[in-house]
Every structure is written in structure tokens, then in C-alpha cells.
Amino acid sequence: MTKWEYASVPIIPHAAQEILNNWGEDGWELVAVFTPPDVGGVVAYFKRPKPSPEPS
């Protein structure tokens, strides 16, 4: 079974493409974008498979 790790990242409008591309280059997949109504701004949620632990 695949295990996942997640990250939430604030997205700065003038650098959105660069931020998204950098996370994608590191193997993260964008799964959602959210604009919190109480604080504004944009938050991107990413996931990627967790690395398998090294055998002992």
C-alpha cells in the first residue's frame, strides 16, 4: 500500500508558476488549492509517495 506525505504551501501570486514548478520538480503533486476566507491568500496542498524505509 502506498503511504503519502503532504505539504501545504502559501502561494504568492506574482511567483505562483515558479513555486508550483519547484514543488513539481521535487516530486510533489498538486491536489488542491484553497483560499481561506478568514485570512485571505492562497494555499496549495501537495502530496507525494513516502520513500520506502531502508531494509535493516
N, C-alpha and C. Protein backbone atom coordinates (compact mmCIF):
# COMPACT_ATOMS: atom_id res chain seq x y z
N MET A 1 0.84 -1.17 0.00
CA MET A 1 0.00 0.00 0.00
C MET A 1 0.90 1.24 0.00
N THR A 2 0.54 2.22 -0.82
CA THR A 2 1.30 3.46 -0.89
C THR A 2 1.01 4.31 0.34
N LYS A 3 2.07 4.82 0.95
CA LYS A 3 1.93 5.78 2.04
C LYS A 3 2.32 7.14 1.49
N TRP A 4 1.62 8.18 1.95
CA TRP A 4 1.81 9.52 1.39
C TRP A 4 2.34 10.48 2.44
N GLU A 5 3.06 11.49 1.97
CA GLU A 5 3.38 12.64 2.80
C GLU A 5 2.75 13.85 2.13
N TYR A 6 2.42 14.85 2.94
CA TYR A 6 1.67 16.01 2.45
C TYR A 6 2.38 17.30 2.84
N ALA A 7 2.12 18.35 2.07
CA ALA A 7 2.67 19.67 2.38
C ALA A 7 1.63 20.73 2.02
N SER A 8 1.57 21.77 2.83
CA SER A 8 0.73 22.92 2.50
C SER A 8 1.67 24.11 2.30
N VAL A 9 1.45 24.85 1.22
CA VAL A 9 2.38 25.89 0.81
C VAL A 9 1.62 27.16 0.46
N PRO A 10 2.01 28.30 1.06
CA PRO A 10 1.39 29.56 0.64
C PRO A 10 1.86 29.92 -0.77
N ILE A 11 0.94 30.39 -1.59
CA ILE A 11 1.27 30.75 -2.97
C ILE A 11 1.24 32.27 -3.11
N ILE A 12 2.38 32.82 -3.48
CA ILE A 12 2.50 34.26 -3.72
C ILE A 12 2.10 34.50 -5.18
N PRO A 13 1.09 35.35 -5.43
CA PRO A 13 0.56 35.49 -6.79
C PRO A 13 1.60 35.78 -7.87
N HIS A 14 2.54 36.65 -7.63
CA HIS A 14 3.50 37.01 -8.68
C HIS A 14 4.56 35.93 -8.91
N ALA A 15 4.60 34.90 -8.04
CA ALA A 15 5.58 33.82 -8.20
C ALA A 15 4.90 32.45 -8.24
N ALA A 16 3.61 32.42 -8.52
CA ALA A 16 2.85 31.16 -8.45
C ALA A 16 3.43 30.08 -9.36
N GLN A 17 3.71 30.41 -10.60
CA GLN A 17 4.21 29.39 -11.54
C GLN A 17 5.54 28.84 -11.07
N GLU A 18 6.43 29.69 -10.61
CA GLU A 18 7.74 29.23 -10.15
C GLU A 18 7.60 28.33 -8.91
N ILE A 19 6.75 28.72 -7.98
CA ILE A 19 6.53 27.92 -6.77
C ILE A 19 5.99 26.54 -7.14
N LEU A 20 4.95 26.51 -7.97
CA LEU A 20 4.34 25.23 -8.36
C LEU A 20 5.33 24.35 -9.12
N ASN A 21 6.09 24.95 -10.04
CA ASN A 21 7.08 24.17 -10.80
C ASN A 21 8.17 23.61 -9.88
N ASN A 22 8.63 24.39 -8.92
CA ASN A 22 9.67 23.91 -8.00
C ASN A 22 9.19 22.71 -7.20
N TRP A 23 7.97 22.78 -6.68
CA TRP A 23 7.43 21.65 -5.92
C TRP A 23 7.24 20.44 -6.83
N GLY A 24 6.77 20.66 -8.05
CA GLY A 24 6.60 19.56 -9.00
C GLY A 24 7.93 18.90 -9.35
N GLU A 25 8.99 19.69 -9.50
CA GLU A 25 10.31 19.15 -9.80
C GLU A 25 10.81 18.24 -8.68
N ASP A 26 10.37 18.52 -7.45
CA ASP A 26 10.76 17.71 -6.30
C ASP A 26 9.85 16.50 -6.10
N GLY A 27 8.95 16.24 -7.06
CA GLY A 27 8.12 15.04 -7.00
C GLY A 27 6.77 15.22 -6.32
N TRP A 28 6.42 16.46 -5.97
CA TRP A 28 5.14 16.73 -5.32
C TRP A 28 4.04 16.91 -6.36
N GLU A 29 2.87 16.37 -6.08
CA GLU A 29 1.69 16.52 -6.95
C GLU A 29 0.70 17.47 -6.29
N LEU A 30 0.27 18.48 -7.04
CA LEU A 30 -0.73 19.42 -6.54
C LEU A 30 -2.08 18.72 -6.46
N VAL A 31 -2.72 18.75 -5.29
CA VAL A 31 -4.00 18.07 -5.13
C VAL A 31 -5.15 19.02 -4.84
N ALA A 32 -4.85 20.23 -4.33
CA ALA A 32 -5.92 21.18 -4.03
C ALA A 32 -5.34 22.57 -3.87
N VAL A 33 -6.17 23.56 -4.13
CA VAL A 33 -5.84 24.96 -3.88
C VAL A 33 -6.98 25.53 -3.07
N PHE A 34 -6.64 26.25 -2.00
CA PHE A 34 -7.66 26.74 -1.07
C PHE A 34 -7.39 28.21 -0.76
N THR A 35 -8.45 28.99 -0.68
CA THR A 35 -8.37 30.38 -0.26
C THR A 35 -9.09 30.50 1.07
N PRO A 36 -8.36 30.56 2.18
CA PRO A 36 -9.01 30.66 3.48
C PRO A 36 -9.78 31.98 3.59
N PRO A 37 -11.06 31.94 3.91
CA PRO A 37 -11.86 33.17 3.93
C PRO A 37 -11.47 34.13 5.05
N ASP A 38 -10.96 33.61 6.14
CA ASP A 38 -10.67 34.48 7.28
C ASP A 38 -9.31 35.16 7.20
N VAL A 39 -8.38 34.64 6.41
CA VAL A 39 -7.05 35.25 6.33
C VAL A 39 -6.67 35.68 4.92
N GLY A 40 -7.39 35.22 3.92
CA GLY A 40 -7.06 35.57 2.54
C GLY A 40 -5.85 34.80 2.05
N GLY A 41 -5.39 35.16 0.88
CA GLY A 41 -4.26 34.47 0.28
C GLY A 41 -4.68 33.14 -0.31
N VAL A 42 -3.70 32.41 -0.79
CA VAL A 42 -3.94 31.12 -1.43
C VAL A 42 -2.96 30.10 -0.84
N VAL A 43 -3.47 28.91 -0.55
CA VAL A 43 -2.64 27.82 -0.05
C VAL A 43 -2.78 26.64 -1.00
N ALA A 44 -1.64 26.08 -1.40
CA ALA A 44 -1.64 24.89 -2.25
C ALA A 44 -1.33 23.67 -1.39
N TYR A 45 -2.01 22.57 -1.66
CA TYR A 45 -1.78 21.31 -0.95
C TYR A 45 -1.18 20.31 -1.93
N PHE A 46 -0.07 19.71 -1.51
CA PHE A 46 0.65 18.76 -2.34
C PHE A 46 0.75 17.41 -1.63
N LYS A 47 0.99 16.36 -2.43
CA LYS A 47 1.27 15.05 -1.86
C LYS A 47 2.32 14.37 -2.73
N ARG A 48 3.02 13.41 -2.12
CA ARG A 48 3.95 12.54 -2.87
C ARG A 48 4.12 11.26 -2.07
N PRO A 49 4.46 10.17 -2.75
CA PRO A 49 4.67 8.92 -2.03
C PRO A 49 5.83 9.05 -1.05
N LYS A 50 5.66 8.48 0.14
CA LYS A 50 6.75 8.44 1.11
C LYS A 50 7.80 7.46 0.63
N PRO A 51 9.07 7.80 0.82
CA PRO A 51 10.10 6.83 0.45
C PRO A 51 9.99 5.58 1.30
N SER A 52 10.30 4.45 0.71
CA SER A 52 10.29 3.19 1.47
C SER A 52 11.47 3.20 2.44
N PRO A 53 11.24 2.70 3.65
CA PRO A 53 12.35 2.63 4.60
C PRO A 53 13.43 1.67 4.11
N GLU A 54 14.67 2.01 4.41
CA GLU A 54 15.79 1.14 4.05
C GLU A 54 15.72 -0.16 4.87
N PRO A 55 15.91 -1.30 4.22
CA PRO A 55 15.91 -2.57 4.98
C PRO A 55 17.10 -2.60 5.95
N SER A 56 16.88 -3.17 7.14
CA SER A 56 17.97 -3.23 8.13
C SER A 56 18.83 -4.43 7.94
